[in-house]
Amino acid sequence: MITLRSVTEKDCKMVWSWATDPGVRAVSFSSDDIPYDTHIRWFKTKLNDPNCVFFIAEEINQEPVGQVRYDLVDNEATISVIVDDNFKGQGYGSQIIARASERIFKIQHVRTIHAYVMPENHASIKAFKKANFQLIESTTVNGQLASHFVLSKKA
């Protein structure tokens, strides 16, 4: 059972370690290295951004299994998800996506959530489909091919 809690400053290094994992960098739309000092500045900016909702997903024993972040614009959000290497392939991705999306619909005026996934990122594609996101088109993100998924709030 996955629970969500808001990210805190104490999570900075853990989020950086997830973001700099070689497997994560390989399926990111920006595969550049992330120096820790650059990450700290980005992380603090996100923590203080009213248009960012950032959660840590935890297992029932409060062990962190991943992170999910929403960047909000008007009544739409773009989701970003990372699952810790130790929990990949166990269905946590779709659980995190589904639970966090349900939460964002409840706590924000979000009507639509967008997800952009590299076509070769089969695990993420499977997770978004399992969480009821619909593939609507192929597009480009940072000059790279992307599958664009959408989840709309039920009326």
Protein backbone atom coordinates (compact mmCIF):
# COMPACT_ATOMS: atom_id res chain seq x y z
CA MET A 1 0.00 0.00 0.00
CA ILE A 2 1.50 3.29 -1.13
CA THR A 3 1.13 6.49 0.87
CA LEU A 4 2.13 9.98 -0.22
CA ARG A 5 3.71 12.73 1.79
CA SER A 6 4.88 16.16 0.77
CA VAL A 7 8.54 16.52 -0.05
CA THR A 8 10.65 18.30 2.58
CA GLU A 9 14.15 19.79 2.52
CA LYS A 10 15.41 16.55 4.11
CA ASP A 11 14.52 14.73 0.87
CA CYS A 12 16.90 16.77 -1.29
CA LYS A 13 19.78 14.26 -1.44
CA MET A 14 17.47 11.25 -1.91
CA VAL A 15 15.65 12.94 -4.82
CA TRP A 16 19.03 13.84 -6.33
CA SER A 17 20.23 10.23 -6.05
CA TRP A 18 17.09 9.05 -7.86
CA ALA A 19 17.38 11.73 -10.55
CA THR A 20 21.06 10.95 -11.21
CA ASP A 21 20.57 7.19 -11.49
CA PRO A 22 21.96 6.15 -14.91
CA GLY A 23 18.72 4.35 -15.79
CA VAL A 24 16.69 7.48 -15.03
CA ARG A 25 19.07 9.72 -16.99
CA ALA A 26 18.78 7.35 -19.99
CA VAL A 27 14.99 7.88 -20.23
CA SER A 28 14.99 11.56 -19.29
CA PHE A 29 14.41 14.31 -21.84
CA SER A 30 17.57 15.93 -20.46
CA SER A 31 20.27 13.31 -20.01
CA ASP A 32 22.93 15.78 -18.82
CA ASP A 33 24.68 15.13 -15.53
CA ILE A 34 23.16 16.95 -12.56
CA PRO A 35 25.77 18.44 -10.21
CA TYR A 36 24.55 18.37 -6.60
CA ASP A 37 24.80 22.15 -6.15
CA THR A 38 22.64 22.65 -9.26
CA HIS A 39 20.14 20.16 -7.88
CA ILE A 40 19.99 21.95 -4.51
CA ARG A 41 19.06 25.23 -6.22
CA TRP A 42 16.44 23.50 -8.40
CA PHE A 43 15.04 21.58 -5.42
CA LYS A 44 14.67 24.70 -3.25
CA THR A 45 12.97 26.49 -6.15
CA LYS A 46 10.48 23.62 -6.53
CA LEU A 47 9.80 23.49 -2.77
CA ASN A 48 8.87 27.19 -2.82
CA ASP A 49 6.95 27.14 -6.10
CA PRO A 50 3.16 27.37 -5.54
CA ASN A 51 2.71 25.79 -8.98
CA CYS A 52 4.59 22.65 -8.00
CA VAL A 53 3.13 19.77 -5.99
CA PHE A 54 5.84 17.30 -4.99
CA PHE A 55 5.33 14.01 -3.13
CA ILE A 56 7.46 11.18 -1.83
CA ALA A 57 5.73 7.81 -2.20
CA GLU A 58 6.30 5.44 0.69
CA GLU A 59 5.62 1.80 1.41
CA ILE A 60 3.48 1.01 4.48
CA ASN A 61 6.64 0.89 6.65
CA GLN A 62 7.48 4.47 5.52
CA GLU A 63 10.27 3.27 3.25
CA PRO A 64 10.56 5.68 0.28
CA VAL A 65 9.83 3.96 -3.02
CA GLY A 66 9.81 6.95 -5.34
CA GLN A 67 8.74 10.47 -6.08
CA VAL A 68 6.06 12.17 -8.11
CA ARG A 69 5.95 15.83 -9.05
CA TYR A 70 3.29 17.93 -10.73
CA ASP A 71 4.03 21.23 -12.42
CA LEU A 72 0.78 23.21 -12.64
CA VAL A 73 -0.37 25.69 -15.26
CA ASP A 74 -3.94 26.93 -14.94
CA ASN A 75 -6.13 23.81 -14.62
CA GLU A 76 -3.56 21.43 -16.12
CA ALA A 77 -0.57 19.58 -14.68
CA THR A 78 2.44 17.78 -16.07
CA ILE A 79 3.58 14.75 -14.08
CA SER A 80 7.11 13.49 -13.46
CA VAL A 81 7.70 10.16 -11.70
CA ILE A 82 10.75 8.25 -10.50
CA VAL A 83 10.67 4.83 -8.85
CA ASP A 84 13.64 3.78 -6.69
CA ASP A 85 15.72 1.05 -8.36
CA ASN A 86 15.00 -1.35 -5.49
CA PHE A 87 11.27 -1.20 -6.26
CA LYS A 88 11.22 -1.25 -10.07
CA GLY A 89 9.31 -4.03 -11.78
CA GLN A 90 6.93 -4.55 -8.83
CA GLY A 91 4.00 -2.40 -9.94
CA TYR A 92 4.87 0.61 -7.80
CA GLY A 93 5.01 3.00 -10.76
CA SER A 94 1.34 2.61 -11.67
CA GLN A 95 0.33 2.71 -7.98
CA ILE A 96 2.25 5.95 -7.43
CA ILE A 97 0.83 7.51 -10.59
CA ALA A 98 -2.76 6.49 -9.80
CA ARG A 99 -2.69 7.50 -6.13
CA ALA A 100 -0.94 10.82 -6.77
CA SER A 101 -3.22 11.68 -9.68
CA GLU A 102 -6.29 11.01 -7.55
CA ARG A 103 -4.80 13.28 -4.87
CA ILE A 104 -3.93 16.13 -7.25
CA PHE A 105 -7.47 16.13 -8.64
CA LYS A 106 -8.77 16.50 -5.06
CA ILE A 107 -6.40 19.18 -3.76
CA GLN A 108 -5.90 21.36 -6.85
CA HIS A 109 -8.13 22.78 -9.57
CA VAL A 110 -6.54 20.39 -12.06
CA ARG A 111 -8.78 19.00 -14.79
CA THR A 112 -6.11 17.34 -16.98
CA ILE A 113 -2.76 15.69 -16.27
CA HIS A 114 -0.17 15.34 -19.03
CA ALA A 115 2.64 12.79 -19.11
CA TYR A 116 5.45 12.71 -21.65
CA VAL A 117 7.37 9.45 -22.00
CA MET A 118 10.15 8.36 -24.33
CA PRO A 119 8.80 5.61 -26.63
CA GLU A 120 11.56 3.21 -25.53
CA ASN A 121 10.64 3.64 -21.86
CA HIS A 122 8.38 0.58 -21.86
CA ALA A 123 8.06 0.39 -18.06
CA SER A 124 6.70 3.95 -17.83
CA ILE A 125 4.36 3.47 -20.77
CA LYS A 126 2.96 0.35 -19.09
CA ALA A 127 2.62 2.19 -15.74
CA PHE A 128 0.76 5.15 -17.23
CA LYS A 129 -1.59 2.88 -19.19
CA LYS A 130 -2.28 0.81 -16.06
CA ALA A 131 -3.06 4.08 -14.21
CA ASN A 132 -5.69 4.83 -16.90
CA PHE A 133 -3.77 7.48 -18.83
CA GLN A 134 -4.64 7.56 -22.52
CA LEU A 135 -2.04 7.85 -25.27
CA ILE A 136 -3.17 10.76 -27.42
CA GLU A 137 -0.26 11.55 -29.72
CA SER A 138 3.42 11.44 -30.49
CA THR A 139 5.18 14.75 -30.01
CA THR A 140 8.63 16.11 -29.27
CA VAL A 141 10.11 17.24 -25.96
CA ASN A 142 13.52 18.94 -25.98
CA GLY A 143 13.92 17.75 -29.58
CA GLN A 144 13.25 14.11 -28.70
CA LEU A 145 10.33 11.91 -29.65
CA ALA A 146 7.77 11.55 -26.86
CA SER A 147 4.54 9.67 -26.26
CA HIS A 148 1.97 12.11 -24.84
CA PHE A 149 -0.45 10.58 -22.32
CA VAL A 150 -3.42 12.33 -20.69
CA LEU A 151 -5.67 11.66 -17.71
CA SER A 152 -8.76 13.83 -17.31
CA LYS A 153 -10.67 14.37 -14.11
CA LYS A 154 -13.97 12.55 -14.05
CA ALA A 155 -16.94 14.90 -13.87
